[in-house]
Structures are given as C-alpha cells and as structure tokens.
Amino acid sequence: MAEAFYSIVLDHPAADVWSVIRPFGHYAWAGVQGATTIEEGKAGDQVGAVRRVELPSRTIRQILLAHSDIDRSYSYAFVGPPPQKVRDYVATIRVTPVVESGQAFVEWRAAYDCLDAAEAEHWKSHFEQQGFAVWLGALRDFMRAQKVRS
C-alpha cells in the first residue's frame, strides 16, 4: 500500500476552515472547475453519499466513507474505476486547530495500491503535488476571499 500526504497551515480558526470543507458536495473551495452534486438527494455529510464531479474532460464519482465533526475530517473513495492507474484509493482530509496561534492545520492524505509497483513514486508525487497541494492552495485563496467579504 502506498501513501501520499500534504499539509498546510491557514491563518483562520479550524472551525471556520471546517465549515467551508465540511459539506462533501461543496468542492469550489478546492478550485475544482466543474459542477459538483450529491446523488440521490443524500446529505453532504451522510456516509454513503456519492459526490459526482463533472469536469470539462470527464466525470468522477466519489463515495463518502466517514464524516466526523468531532475530528473535523472526512474520508472518501472512488466509485467505479479511479481516474488514475491505482486501486483501493481512500483519501482523508482533516482540519486540526493550532492552539497556540489560532490557526488551522489542514492535512490531506490518501492510501492506495499501484497497478504497477514501479509507478509508486510517480503517483505519490502526482497526488501530493498536482492534487493535494493545488487544492489546499485553492483553499487558502478561498479562505482569504471569505475573510475579506466578512
């Protein structure tokens, strides 16, 4: 099993950051360019809810495996074949308060199996740098914009 991990510190309270990323059906904060909907009328925090993300080049579907307001985290997996050459992909995003500074520590990790073991480093780098780093950077920008408006 391979693992990818990326984290950032945001200049916002953990509760504020969690309120933005908490709904599984809200993905605009990650800079995702496409419509995101929760299928079959389920709630965005309901385990088993399927998030459909309609991107310009493809549609992906992800299922919510766990959701915790106490831990400020949720985990999800792909429904059907993943868009990358991996299997058993499970990702978790978590927001933790930095007590001393009042900031938020945000981490995103994924565990998965590579279809080709020789590509393990490629997929680790891909998920960390072209996925999590980009999406958490977009979260930083989204939070800054929210702060200016409030």
C-alpha atoms as a PDB file:
ATOM      1  CA  MET A   1       0.000   0.000   0.000  1.00  0.00           C
ATOM      2  CA  ALA A   2       1.337   3.431  -0.974  1.00  0.00           C
ATOM      3  CA  GLU A   3       0.524   6.722   0.693  1.00  0.00           C
ATOM      4  CA  ALA A   4       0.516  10.380  -0.338  1.00  0.00           C
ATOM      5  CA  PHE A   5       0.350  13.261   2.146  1.00  0.00           C
ATOM      6  CA  TYR A   6       0.305  17.070   2.036  1.00  0.00           C
ATOM      7  CA  SER A   7      -0.463  19.670   4.681  1.00  0.00           C
ATOM      8  CA  ILE A   8      -0.709  23.430   5.153  1.00  0.00           C
ATOM      9  CA  VAL A   9      -1.324  25.921   7.955  1.00  0.00           C
ATOM     10  CA  LEU A  10      -4.025  28.515   7.364  1.00  0.00           C
ATOM     11  CA  ASP A  11      -4.439  31.840   9.135  1.00  0.00           C
ATOM     12  CA  HIS A  12      -8.017  31.023  10.104  1.00  0.00           C
ATOM     13  CA  PRO A  13      -9.591  29.185  13.035  1.00  0.00           C
ATOM     14  CA  ALA A  14     -10.066  25.454  12.470  1.00  0.00           C
ATOM     15  CA  ALA A  15     -13.836  25.796  12.945  1.00  0.00           C
ATOM     16  CA  ASP A  16     -14.025  28.332  10.097  1.00  0.00           C
ATOM     17  CA  VAL A  17     -11.989  26.136   7.758  1.00  0.00           C
ATOM     18  CA  TRP A  18     -14.037  23.067   8.653  1.00  0.00           C
ATOM     19  CA  SER A  19     -17.287  24.940   7.963  1.00  0.00           C
ATOM     20  CA  VAL A  20     -16.064  25.520   4.401  1.00  0.00           C
ATOM     21  CA  ILE A  21     -14.850  21.996   3.582  1.00  0.00           C
ATOM     22  CA  ARG A  22     -17.383  20.099   5.723  1.00  0.00           C
ATOM     23  CA  PRO A  23     -20.080  19.616   3.065  1.00  0.00           C
ATOM     24  CA  PHE A  24     -18.977  16.780   0.792  1.00  0.00           C
ATOM     25  CA  GLY A  25     -20.932  18.325  -2.081  1.00  0.00           C
ATOM     26  CA  HIS A  26     -19.130  21.668  -1.912  1.00  0.00           C
ATOM     27  CA  TYR A  27     -15.875  21.470  -3.861  1.00  0.00           C
ATOM     28  CA  ALA A  28     -15.494  25.029  -5.190  1.00  0.00           C
ATOM     29  CA  TRP A  29     -13.086  25.807  -2.339  1.00  0.00           C
ATOM     30  CA  ALA A  30     -10.598  23.402  -3.960  1.00  0.00           C
ATOM     31  CA  GLY A  31     -10.645  25.325  -7.225  1.00  0.00           C
ATOM     32  CA  VAL A  32     -12.362  22.444  -8.992  1.00  0.00           C
ATOM     33  CA  GLN A  33     -13.733  23.723 -12.293  1.00  0.00           C
ATOM     34  CA  GLY A  34     -16.940  21.807 -12.704  1.00  0.00           C
ATOM     35  CA  ALA A  35     -20.338  21.112 -11.240  1.00  0.00           C
ATOM     36  CA  THR A  36     -20.411  19.056  -8.044  1.00  0.00           C
ATOM     37  CA  THR A  37     -23.589  17.349  -6.891  1.00  0.00           C
ATOM     38  CA  ILE A  38     -24.570  14.772  -4.315  1.00  0.00           C
ATOM     39  CA  GLU A  39     -26.512  11.975  -5.971  1.00  0.00           C
ATOM     40  CA  GLU A  40     -29.895  10.577  -4.909  1.00  0.00           C
ATOM     41  CA  GLY A  41     -30.758  13.505  -2.629  1.00  0.00           C
ATOM     42  CA  LYS A  42     -28.471  12.426   0.203  1.00  0.00           C
ATOM     43  CA  ALA A  43     -26.999  14.975   2.601  1.00  0.00           C
ATOM     44  CA  GLY A  44     -23.441  16.220   2.134  1.00  0.00           C
ATOM     45  CA  ASP A  45     -22.409  14.746   5.473  1.00  0.00           C
ATOM     46  CA  GLN A  46     -24.218  11.414   5.107  1.00  0.00           C
ATOM     47  CA  VAL A  47     -21.952   8.391   4.963  1.00  0.00           C
ATOM     48  CA  GLY A  48     -22.662   6.629   1.690  1.00  0.00           C
ATOM     49  CA  ALA A  49     -23.371   9.864  -0.188  1.00  0.00           C
ATOM     50  CA  VAL A  50     -21.901   9.891  -3.680  1.00  0.00           C
ATOM     51  CA  ARG A  51     -20.302  13.100  -4.947  1.00  0.00           C
ATOM     52  CA  ARG A  52     -20.379  13.480  -8.723  1.00  0.00           C
ATOM     53  CA  VAL A  53     -17.851  15.975 -10.082  1.00  0.00           C
ATOM     54  CA  GLU A  54     -18.433  16.916 -13.712  1.00  0.00           C
ATOM     55  CA  LEU A  55     -15.104  18.154 -15.021  1.00  0.00           C
ATOM     56  CA  PRO A  56     -14.564  19.538 -18.523  1.00  0.00           C
ATOM     57  CA  SER A  57     -12.867  16.321 -19.672  1.00  0.00           C
ATOM     58  CA  ARG A  58     -14.535  13.650 -17.540  1.00  0.00           C
ATOM     59  CA  THR A  59     -16.876  12.872 -14.664  1.00  0.00           C
ATOM     60  CA  ILE A  60     -15.640  11.327 -11.428  1.00  0.00           C
ATOM     61  CA  ARG A  61     -17.691   9.834  -8.626  1.00  0.00           C
ATOM     62  CA  GLN A  62     -16.595   9.501  -5.010  1.00  0.00           C
ATOM     63  CA  ILE A  63     -18.348   7.945  -2.029  1.00  0.00           C
ATOM     64  CA  LEU A  64     -18.233   9.370   1.490  1.00  0.00           C
ATOM     65  CA  LEU A  65     -16.875   6.647   3.784  1.00  0.00           C
ATOM     66  CA  ALA A  66     -16.649   8.556   7.070  1.00  0.00           C
ATOM     67  CA  HIS A  67     -17.565  12.041   8.285  1.00  0.00           C
ATOM     68  CA  SER A  68     -16.763  13.453  11.735  1.00  0.00           C
ATOM     69  CA  ASP A  69     -17.484  16.911  13.084  1.00  0.00           C
ATOM     70  CA  ILE A  70     -15.584  15.972  16.249  1.00  0.00           C
ATOM     71  CA  ASP A  71     -12.415  15.123  14.298  1.00  0.00           C
ATOM     72  CA  ARG A  72     -13.180  17.697  11.586  1.00  0.00           C
ATOM     73  CA  SER A  73     -12.482  15.119   8.906  1.00  0.00           C
ATOM     74  CA  TYR A  74     -13.979  13.010   6.196  1.00  0.00           C
ATOM     75  CA  SER A  75     -12.794  10.081   4.104  1.00  0.00           C
ATOM     76  CA  TYR A  76     -13.850   9.077   0.627  1.00  0.00           C
ATOM     77  CA  ALA A  77     -13.111   6.583  -2.148  1.00  0.00           C
ATOM     78  CA  PHE A  78     -13.767   6.408  -5.868  1.00  0.00           C
ATOM     79  CA  VAL A  79     -16.936   4.801  -7.152  1.00  0.00           C
ATOM     80  CA  GLY A  80     -16.071   2.696 -10.152  1.00  0.00           C
ATOM     81  CA  PRO A  81     -12.657   2.803 -11.770  1.00  0.00           C
ATOM     82  CA  PRO A  82     -10.437   5.595 -10.452  1.00  0.00           C
ATOM     83  CA  PRO A  83      -9.228   8.187 -12.953  1.00  0.00           C
ATOM     84  CA  GLN A  84      -5.612   7.166 -12.213  1.00  0.00           C
ATOM     85  CA  LYS A  85      -3.851   3.807 -12.505  1.00  0.00           C
ATOM     86  CA  VAL A  86      -4.349   2.906  -8.836  1.00  0.00           C
ATOM     87  CA  ARG A  87      -6.854   0.822  -6.915  1.00  0.00           C
ATOM     88  CA  ASP A  88      -8.342   0.835  -3.417  1.00  0.00           C
ATOM     89  CA  TYR A  89      -7.814   4.616  -3.185  1.00  0.00           C
ATOM     90  CA  VAL A  90      -9.055   6.088   0.093  1.00  0.00           C
ATOM     91  CA  ALA A  91      -8.408   9.747   0.943  1.00  0.00           C
ATOM     92  CA  THR A  92      -8.939  11.693   4.160  1.00  0.00           C
ATOM     93  CA  ILE A  93      -8.942  15.430   4.717  1.00  0.00           C
ATOM     94  CA  ARG A  94      -8.679  16.694   8.303  1.00  0.00           C
ATOM     95  CA  VAL A  95      -8.617  20.117   9.959  1.00  0.00           C
ATOM     96  CA  THR A  96      -6.887  20.456  13.347  1.00  0.00           C
ATOM     97  CA  PRO A  97      -6.575  23.622  15.424  1.00  0.00           C
ATOM     98  CA  VAL A  98      -3.131  25.060  16.110  1.00  0.00           C
ATOM     99  CA  VAL A  99      -3.921  26.094  19.677  1.00  0.00           C
ATOM    100  CA  GLU A 100      -1.001  28.454  20.223  1.00  0.00           C
ATOM    101  CA  SER A 101      -1.687  30.626  17.183  1.00  0.00           C
ATOM    102  CA  GLY A 102      -5.392  30.104  16.493  1.00  0.00           C
ATOM    103  CA  GLN A 103      -4.561  28.840  13.006  1.00  0.00           C
ATOM    104  CA  ALA A 104      -5.743  25.669  11.296  1.00  0.00           C
ATOM    105  CA  PHE A 105      -3.552  22.734  10.277  1.00  0.00           C
ATOM    106  CA  VAL A 106      -5.096  21.040   7.246  1.00  0.00           C
ATOM    107  CA  GLU A 107      -3.880  17.653   6.060  1.00  0.00           C
ATOM    108  CA  TRP A 108      -4.916  15.568   3.095  1.00  0.00           C
ATOM    109  CA  ARG A 109      -3.732  12.011   2.684  1.00  0.00           C
ATOM    110  CA  ALA A 110      -4.512   9.052   0.503  1.00  0.00           C
ATOM    111  CA  ALA A 111      -3.690   5.379   0.711  1.00  0.00           C
ATOM    112  CA  TYR A 112      -3.866   3.264  -2.444  1.00  0.00           C
ATOM    113  CA  ASP A 113      -2.360   0.350  -4.308  1.00  0.00           C
ATOM    114  CA  CYS A 114      -0.476   0.948  -7.548  1.00  0.00           C
ATOM    115  CA  LEU A 115      -1.343  -1.219 -10.519  1.00  0.00           C
ATOM    116  CA  ASP A 116       2.349  -1.054 -11.433  1.00  0.00           C
ATOM    117  CA  ALA A 117       4.692  -1.022  -8.402  1.00  0.00           C
ATOM    118  CA  ALA A 118       7.325   0.771 -10.482  1.00  0.00           C
ATOM    119  CA  GLU A 119       4.975   3.788 -10.646  1.00  0.00           C
ATOM    120  CA  ALA A 120       4.611   4.192  -6.869  1.00  0.00           C
ATOM    121  CA  GLU A 121       6.769   7.333  -6.669  1.00  0.00           C
ATOM    122  CA  HIS A 122       5.057   8.835  -9.710  1.00  0.00           C
ATOM    123  CA  TRP A 123       1.603   8.506  -8.154  1.00  0.00           C
ATOM    124  CA  LYS A 124       2.795   9.716  -4.744  1.00  0.00           C
ATOM    125  CA  SER A 125       4.185  12.863  -6.360  1.00  0.00           C
ATOM    126  CA  HIS A 126       1.112  13.248  -8.558  1.00  0.00           C
ATOM    127  CA  PHE A 127      -1.366  13.093  -5.674  1.00  0.00           C
ATOM    128  CA  GLU A 128       0.752  15.321  -3.418  1.00  0.00           C
ATOM    129  CA  GLN A 129       1.864  17.995  -5.886  1.00  0.00           C
ATOM    130  CA  GLN A 130      -0.795  18.041  -8.615  1.00  0.00           C
ATOM    131  CA  GLY A 131      -3.660  17.182  -6.314  1.00  0.00           C
ATOM    132  CA  PHE A 132      -3.468  17.986  -2.629  1.00  0.00           C
ATOM    133  CA  ALA A 133      -1.015  20.915  -2.888  1.00  0.00           C
ATOM    134  CA  VAL A 134      -3.079  22.557  -5.630  1.00  0.00           C
ATOM    135  CA  TRP A 135      -6.410  22.021  -3.888  1.00  0.00           C
ATOM    136  CA  LEU A 136      -5.136  23.167  -0.480  1.00  0.00           C
ATOM    137  CA  GLY A 137      -3.585  26.222  -2.130  1.00  0.00           C
ATOM    138  CA  ALA A 138      -7.009  26.954  -3.605  1.00  0.00           C
ATOM    139  CA  LEU A 139      -8.499  26.523  -0.117  1.00  0.00           C
ATOM    140  CA  ARG A 140      -6.048  29.137   1.182  1.00  0.00           C
ATOM    141  CA  ASP A 141      -7.176  31.559  -1.544  1.00  0.00           C
ATOM    142  CA  PHE A 142     -10.848  30.749  -0.908  1.00  0.00           C
ATOM    143  CA  MET A 143     -10.460  31.403   2.836  1.00  0.00           C
ATOM    144  CA  ARG A 144      -8.684  34.720   2.193  1.00  0.00           C
ATOM    145  CA  ALA A 145     -11.508  35.808  -0.094  1.00  0.00           C
ATOM    146  CA  GLN A 146     -14.086  34.790   2.539  1.00  0.00           C
ATOM    147  CA  LYS A 147     -12.249  36.780   5.211  1.00  0.00           C
ATOM    148  CA  VAL A 148     -12.249  39.901   3.041  1.00  0.00           C
ATOM    149  CA  ARG A 149     -16.015  39.588   2.460  1.00  0.00           C
ATOM    150  CA  SER A 150     -16.884  39.031   6.115  1.00  0.00           C
END
